[in-house]
């Protein structure tokens, strides 16, 4: 018996299946057959949904995810300096293969 290749499901798909499992209209086995996933996987997605549901409505979560503008400007400056340094360093090499 050959194994099925590993699949990565989209977060929207996981949420859809977990919400249907929470509704209780169908059993986990029926949902597993319908969506072609293992029943244990549905149970795990349902558990994750219940554990993380409070984060959806929390305001602090959005502030944590977004980097500050100051940090982004600092990163742009750092990358610009690195690009300038590397372009000058590349120009100093005499080998023809080093230049583009």
C-alpha atoms as a PDB file:
ATOM      1  CA  UNK A   1       0.000   0.000   0.000  1.00  0.00           C
ATOM      2  CA  UNK A   2       1.515   3.319  -1.038  1.00  0.00           C
ATOM      3  CA  UNK A   3       1.428   6.388   1.138  1.00  0.00           C
ATOM      4  CA  UNK A   4      -0.444   9.490   0.112  1.00  0.00           C
ATOM      5  CA  UNK A   5       1.901  12.454  -0.465  1.00  0.00           C
ATOM      6  CA  UNK A   6       1.930  15.008   2.326  1.00  0.00           C
ATOM      7  CA  UNK A   7      -0.567  17.803   1.746  1.00  0.00           C
ATOM      8  CA  UNK A   8      -0.547  21.330   3.097  1.00  0.00           C
ATOM      9  CA  UNK A   9      -4.011  22.712   3.654  1.00  0.00           C
ATOM     10  CA  UNK A  10      -4.782  26.406   3.515  1.00  0.00           C
ATOM     11  CA  UNK A  11      -5.789  28.094   6.766  1.00  0.00           C
ATOM     12  CA  UNK A  12      -9.196  28.919   5.274  1.00  0.00           C
ATOM     13  CA  UNK A  13      -9.811  25.231   4.529  1.00  0.00           C
ATOM     14  CA  UNK A  14      -8.795  24.235   8.067  1.00  0.00           C
ATOM     15  CA  UNK A  15     -11.106  26.854   9.556  1.00  0.00           C
ATOM     16  CA  UNK A  16     -13.996  25.731   7.373  1.00  0.00           C
ATOM     17  CA  UNK A  17     -13.603  22.091   8.380  1.00  0.00           C
ATOM     18  CA  UNK A  18     -13.103  22.938  12.076  1.00  0.00           C
ATOM     19  CA  UNK A  19     -16.214  25.138  12.112  1.00  0.00           C
ATOM     20  CA  UNK A  20     -18.279  22.383  10.540  1.00  0.00           C
ATOM     21  CA  UNK A  21     -16.967  19.973  13.157  1.00  0.00           C
ATOM     22  CA  UNK A  22     -18.005  22.411  15.888  1.00  0.00           C
ATOM     23  CA  UNK A  23     -21.515  22.697  14.463  1.00  0.00           C
ATOM     24  CA  UNK A  24     -22.057  18.995  15.088  1.00  0.00           C
ATOM     25  CA  UNK A  25     -24.330  18.434  12.094  1.00  0.00           C
ATOM     26  CA  UNK A  26     -22.057  15.619  10.889  1.00  0.00           C
ATOM     27  CA  UNK A  27     -19.733  13.280  12.708  1.00  0.00           C
ATOM     28  CA  UNK A  28     -15.974  13.663  12.486  1.00  0.00           C
ATOM     29  CA  UNK A  29     -15.780  10.500  10.387  1.00  0.00           C
ATOM     30  CA  UNK A  30     -18.341  11.847   7.914  1.00  0.00           C
ATOM     31  CA  UNK A  31     -16.446  15.123   7.633  1.00  0.00           C
ATOM     32  CA  UNK A  32     -13.193  13.229   7.161  1.00  0.00           C
ATOM     33  CA  UNK A  33     -14.663  11.285   4.264  1.00  0.00           C
ATOM     34  CA  UNK A  34     -16.218  14.406   2.767  1.00  0.00           C
ATOM     35  CA  UNK A  35     -12.993  16.464   2.876  1.00  0.00           C
ATOM     36  CA  UNK A  36     -10.590  13.514   2.448  1.00  0.00           C
ATOM     37  CA  UNK A  37      -8.592  14.143   5.605  1.00  0.00           C
ATOM     38  CA  UNK A  38      -7.927  11.959   8.629  1.00  0.00           C
ATOM     39  CA  UNK A  39     -10.424  12.260  11.503  1.00  0.00           C
ATOM     40  CA  UNK A  40      -7.562  12.947  13.926  1.00  0.00           C
ATOM     41  CA  UNK A  41      -6.587  15.940  11.797  1.00  0.00           C
ATOM     42  CA  UNK A  42     -10.092  17.374  12.064  1.00  0.00           C
ATOM     43  CA  UNK A  43     -10.012  16.871  15.823  1.00  0.00           C
ATOM     44  CA  UNK A  44      -6.680  18.717  16.004  1.00  0.00           C
ATOM     45  CA  UNK A  45      -7.943  21.640  13.889  1.00  0.00           C
ATOM     46  CA  UNK A  46     -11.060  21.866  16.049  1.00  0.00           C
ATOM     47  CA  UNK A  47      -8.904  21.916  19.192  1.00  0.00           C
ATOM     48  CA  UNK A  48      -6.664  24.659  17.734  1.00  0.00           C
ATOM     49  CA  UNK A  49      -9.693  26.736  16.765  1.00  0.00           C
ATOM     50  CA  UNK A  50     -11.133  26.544  20.272  1.00  0.00           C
ATOM     51  CA  UNK A  51      -7.779  27.385  21.903  1.00  0.00           C
ATOM     52  CA  UNK A  52      -7.047  30.389  19.686  1.00  0.00           C
ATOM     53  CA  UNK A  53     -10.556  31.813  19.231  1.00  0.00           C
ATOM     54  CA  UNK A  54     -10.011  34.517  21.864  1.00  0.00           C
ATOM     55  CA  UNK A  55      -7.037  35.919  19.924  1.00  0.00           C
ATOM     56  CA  UNK A  56      -9.286  36.832  17.016  1.00  0.00           C
ATOM     57  CA  UNK A  57     -11.051  39.447  19.103  1.00  0.00           C
ATOM     58  CA  UNK A  58      -8.040  40.763  20.985  1.00  0.00           C
ATOM     59  CA  UNK A  59      -6.726  44.196  20.013  1.00  0.00           C
ATOM     60  CA  UNK A  60      -3.144  43.595  21.175  1.00  0.00           C
ATOM     61  CA  UNK A  61      -2.630  40.910  18.557  1.00  0.00           C
ATOM     62  CA  UNK A  62      -2.684  43.357  15.642  1.00  0.00           C
ATOM     63  CA  UNK A  63      -0.197  45.701  17.270  1.00  0.00           C
ATOM     64  CA  UNK A  64       2.240  42.835  17.845  1.00  0.00           C
ATOM     65  CA  UNK A  65       2.143  41.664  14.241  1.00  0.00           C
ATOM     66  CA  UNK A  66       2.876  44.979  12.550  1.00  0.00           C
ATOM     67  CA  UNK A  67       6.480  46.222  12.571  1.00  0.00           C
ATOM     68  CA  UNK A  68       6.974  49.866  13.420  1.00  0.00           C
ATOM     69  CA  UNK A  69       7.734  52.402  10.705  1.00  0.00           C
ATOM     70  CA  UNK A  70      10.940  53.336  12.530  1.00  0.00           C
ATOM     71  CA  UNK A  71      12.166  49.728  12.374  1.00  0.00           C
ATOM     72  CA  UNK A  72      11.321  49.503   8.681  1.00  0.00           C
ATOM     73  CA  UNK A  73      13.223  52.723   7.899  1.00  0.00           C
ATOM     74  CA  UNK A  74      16.217  51.414   9.855  1.00  0.00           C
ATOM     75  CA  UNK A  75      16.138  48.160   7.871  1.00  0.00           C
ATOM     76  CA  UNK A  76      15.953  50.072   4.564  1.00  0.00           C
ATOM     77  CA  UNK A  77      18.969  52.148   5.587  1.00  0.00           C
ATOM     78  CA  UNK A  78      20.927  49.059   6.588  1.00  0.00           C
ATOM     79  CA  UNK A  79      20.166  47.301   3.304  1.00  0.00           C
ATOM     80  CA  UNK A  80      21.098  50.402   1.296  1.00  0.00           C
ATOM     81  CA  UNK A  81      24.461  50.606   3.060  1.00  0.00           C
ATOM     82  CA  UNK A  82      25.106  46.906   2.442  1.00  0.00           C
ATOM     83  CA  UNK A  83      24.237  47.273  -1.253  1.00  0.00           C
ATOM     84  CA  UNK A  84      26.568  50.267  -1.621  1.00  0.00           C
ATOM     85  CA  UNK A  85      29.392  48.480   0.192  1.00  0.00           C
ATOM     86  CA  UNK A  86      29.038  45.325  -1.871  1.00  0.00           C
ATOM     87  CA  UNK A  87      28.834  47.182  -5.172  1.00  0.00           C
ATOM     88  CA  UNK A  88      32.056  49.083  -4.345  1.00  0.00           C
ATOM     89  CA  UNK A  89      33.769  45.893  -3.146  1.00  0.00           C
ATOM     90  CA  UNK A  90      32.745  44.091  -6.311  1.00  0.00           C
ATOM     91  CA  UNK A  91      34.191  46.930  -8.399  1.00  0.00           C
ATOM     92  CA  UNK A  92      37.611  46.475  -6.739  1.00  0.00           C
ATOM     93  CA  UNK A  93      37.985  42.859  -7.868  1.00  0.00           C
ATOM     94  CA  UNK A  94      40.056  42.650 -11.044  1.00  0.00           C
ATOM     95  CA  UNK A  95      38.742  39.320 -12.240  1.00  0.00           C
ATOM     96  CA  UNK A  96      36.346  39.646 -15.210  1.00  0.00           C
ATOM     97  CA  UNK A  97      34.008  36.993 -13.791  1.00  0.00           C
ATOM     98  CA  UNK A  98      33.377  39.129 -10.702  1.00  0.00           C
ATOM     99  CA  UNK A  99      31.889  42.023 -12.664  1.00  0.00           C
ATOM    100  CA  UNK A 100      28.495  41.755 -14.205  1.00  0.00           C
END
